[in-house]
Amino acid sequence: MAQVRLASLAVFTAVVVAAPAVARADLGVGVFVGQPTGLDLKIGLERRTALDVVIGWDRLNDGRVDYAHATFLANLGVARGRSVLVPFRVGVGVALFDGAGAFGDEVNVAVRAPIELGLRFRRTPIEIYGELALKLTLIDGNDNHDDVDGDGGVGLRVYF
């Protein structure tokens, strides 16, 4: 009986010691204003990578277009100041947008490649950032969007 307990304790200890540690993952929630405009969710994946998701509208003026994108971001470097960090990120992702207004019959698909520069404050969990992206439309249901287009704007994220 003592051998069974000792073996169980050894297996339990090995599992606990070998279990991977939880990775530090930042969660940023905010808004992005420009083209597109919408709610922004940034999920830290590993030390220098993240998944950025924006859901909203491609444009707010005539003929609003529903829009969503998911982008894998890689942090190429960070300049460090006394009160701010200045991360420089590049990414690649996919964008879905609809010319009809409600993701109806015309769902278009594009590949996007953004560059992003942020100001992340050290004492508060806030980041202000700007982004420019090249968008290449692969699927255009009614052939009414530019094949190559640019997006851009500014955003604000609060980190948890």
Protein backbone atom coordinates (compact mmCIF):
# COMPACT_ATOMS: atom_id res chain seq x y z
CA MET A 1 0.00 0.00 0.00
CA ALA A 2 2.86 2.36 0.81
CA GLN A 3 4.40 1.63 -2.59
CA VAL A 4 1.14 2.60 -4.34
CA ARG A 5 1.00 5.88 -2.43
CA LEU A 6 4.64 6.60 -3.16
CA ALA A 7 4.14 5.82 -6.88
CA SER A 8 1.00 8.01 -6.98
CA LEU A 9 2.87 10.86 -5.30
CA ALA A 10 5.74 10.48 -7.78
CA VAL A 11 3.36 10.57 -10.77
CA PHE A 12 1.47 13.58 -9.35
CA THR A 13 4.73 15.45 -8.71
CA ALA A 14 6.00 14.67 -12.22
CA VAL A 15 2.76 15.94 -13.78
CA VAL A 16 2.76 19.15 -11.75
CA VAL A 17 6.43 19.87 -12.43
CA ALA A 18 6.13 19.04 -16.14
CA ALA A 19 2.93 21.06 -16.65
CA PRO A 20 3.57 24.06 -18.87
CA ALA A 21 3.36 27.44 -17.23
CA VAL A 22 0.57 29.75 -18.27
CA ALA A 23 1.85 32.21 -20.84
CA ARG A 24 1.45 35.91 -20.18
CA ALA A 25 -1.30 37.08 -22.51
CA ASP A 26 -2.51 40.65 -22.66
CA LEU A 27 -6.10 41.38 -23.54
CA GLY A 28 -6.78 44.79 -25.05
CA VAL A 29 -10.29 46.11 -25.70
CA GLY A 30 -10.99 49.37 -27.49
CA VAL A 31 -12.12 51.24 -30.57
CA PHE A 32 -10.58 51.87 -33.98
CA VAL A 33 -11.62 54.97 -35.94
CA GLY A 34 -10.93 55.42 -39.63
CA GLN A 35 -11.41 52.93 -42.38
CA PRO A 36 -12.62 50.60 -40.84
CA THR A 37 -14.35 51.94 -37.72
CA GLY A 38 -15.34 49.50 -35.02
CA LEU A 39 -14.68 47.65 -31.80
CA ASP A 40 -11.16 46.30 -31.38
CA LEU A 41 -10.02 43.22 -29.47
CA LYS A 42 -6.29 42.42 -29.24
CA ILE A 43 -5.32 39.09 -27.70
CA GLY A 44 -1.67 38.56 -26.80
CA LEU A 45 -0.55 35.13 -28.00
CA GLU A 46 3.10 34.97 -27.02
CA ARG A 47 5.78 37.45 -26.06
CA ARG A 48 5.95 39.21 -29.44
CA THR A 49 2.74 38.14 -31.23
CA ALA A 50 -0.96 38.90 -30.99
CA LEU A 51 -4.30 38.40 -32.71
CA ASP A 52 -6.17 41.61 -33.50
CA VAL A 53 -9.89 41.50 -34.32
CA VAL A 54 -11.97 44.50 -35.43
CA ILE A 55 -15.72 44.32 -36.02
CA GLY A 56 -17.61 47.34 -37.34
CA TRP A 57 -18.04 49.24 -40.59
CA ASP A 58 -15.74 49.79 -43.55
CA ARG A 59 -16.94 53.36 -43.93
CA LEU A 60 -19.41 55.55 -42.09
CA ASN A 61 -20.39 57.87 -44.93
CA ASP A 62 -22.59 56.95 -47.91
CA GLY A 63 -23.40 53.26 -48.13
CA ARG A 64 -22.16 51.85 -44.84
CA VAL A 65 -20.47 48.47 -45.31
CA ASP A 66 -20.32 45.84 -42.55
CA TYR A 67 -16.74 44.82 -41.88
CA ALA A 68 -14.64 42.41 -39.80
CA HIS A 69 -10.98 41.45 -39.82
CA ALA A 70 -8.64 39.17 -37.95
CA THR A 71 -4.93 39.94 -38.15
CA PHE A 72 -1.87 38.15 -36.78
CA LEU A 73 0.50 40.84 -35.49
CA ALA A 74 4.22 40.45 -34.86
CA ASN A 75 6.10 42.98 -32.76
CA LEU A 76 9.33 43.85 -34.59
CA GLY A 77 10.70 46.13 -31.91
CA VAL A 78 9.91 48.43 -29.02
CA ALA A 79 11.41 51.84 -28.33
CA ARG A 80 11.41 52.54 -24.61
CA GLY A 81 10.84 55.93 -23.06
CA ARG A 82 10.41 56.97 -19.45
CA SER A 83 6.63 56.91 -19.52
CA VAL A 84 5.79 55.10 -22.77
CA LEU A 85 6.66 52.06 -24.82
CA VAL A 86 6.53 52.53 -28.61
CA PRO A 87 5.90 49.16 -30.26
CA PHE A 88 6.28 48.71 -34.04
CA ARG A 89 4.16 45.85 -35.42
CA VAL A 90 3.50 44.27 -38.79
CA GLY A 91 0.87 41.73 -39.61
CA VAL A 92 -1.09 39.64 -42.06
CA GLY A 93 -4.74 38.73 -41.90
CA VAL A 94 -8.09 38.38 -43.55
CA ALA A 95 -10.93 40.89 -43.92
CA LEU A 96 -14.61 40.19 -44.58
CA PHE A 97 -16.88 42.98 -45.76
CA ASP A 98 -20.30 43.26 -47.37
CA GLY A 99 -21.44 45.75 -49.95
CA ALA A 100 -25.13 45.09 -49.24
CA GLY A 101 -25.01 46.24 -45.61
CA ALA A 102 -25.75 43.21 -43.40
CA PHE A 103 -23.46 40.38 -44.50
CA GLY A 104 -26.24 39.30 -46.84
CA ASP A 105 -25.64 37.89 -50.30
CA GLU A 106 -22.43 39.77 -51.05
CA VAL A 107 -19.64 38.75 -48.69
CA ASN A 108 -16.24 39.85 -49.94
CA VAL A 109 -12.89 38.46 -48.76
CA ALA A 110 -9.57 40.27 -48.74
CA VAL A 111 -6.04 39.70 -47.46
CA ARG A 112 -4.66 42.59 -45.43
CA ALA A 113 -1.12 43.53 -44.43
CA PRO A 114 -0.95 46.28 -41.79
CA ILE A 115 1.87 48.20 -40.16
CA GLU A 116 1.12 49.59 -36.70
CA LEU A 117 2.85 52.06 -34.41
CA GLY A 118 1.66 52.42 -30.84
CA LEU A 119 2.15 54.47 -27.70
CA ARG A 120 1.64 52.20 -24.70
CA PHE A 121 1.75 54.02 -21.39
CA ARG A 122 3.78 52.43 -18.59
CA ARG A 123 1.70 53.64 -15.63
CA THR A 124 -1.74 53.09 -17.13
CA PRO A 125 -3.00 50.12 -19.15
CA ILE A 126 -3.78 52.27 -22.20
CA GLU A 127 -2.40 52.23 -25.73
CA ILE A 128 -3.00 54.74 -28.53
CA TYR A 129 -1.98 53.43 -31.93
CA GLY A 130 -2.09 54.18 -35.63
CA GLU A 131 -2.36 51.64 -38.42
CA LEU A 132 -1.98 51.63 -42.20
CA ALA A 133 -2.92 48.50 -44.13
CA LEU A 134 -2.75 47.30 -47.70
CA LYS A 135 -5.86 45.29 -48.61
CA LEU A 136 -6.03 42.91 -51.59
CA THR A 137 -9.58 41.79 -52.42
CA LEU A 138 -9.64 38.14 -53.48
CA ILE A 139 -13.40 37.49 -53.62
CA ASP A 140 -15.73 40.29 -54.73
CA GLY A 141 -19.31 39.08 -55.21
CA ASN A 142 -20.46 41.97 -57.44
CA ASP A 143 -17.08 43.23 -58.63
CA ASN A 144 -17.75 46.64 -57.07
CA HIS A 145 -14.66 47.06 -54.83
CA ASP A 146 -11.10 47.99 -55.72
CA ASP A 147 -8.80 44.99 -56.07
CA VAL A 148 -6.08 46.80 -54.11
CA ASP A 149 -7.08 49.29 -51.44
CA GLY A 150 -5.64 50.96 -48.38
CA ASP A 151 -7.10 51.14 -44.89
CA GLY A 152 -5.98 53.16 -41.92
CA GLY A 153 -6.89 54.99 -38.78
CA VAL A 154 -6.18 55.44 -35.09
CA GLY A 155 -7.23 53.35 -32.13
CA LEU A 156 -7.39 53.26 -28.38
CA ARG A 157 -7.06 50.08 -26.32
CA VAL A 158 -7.41 49.44 -22.60
CA TYR A 159 -5.47 46.37 -21.39
CA PHE A 160 -6.60 43.84 -18.81
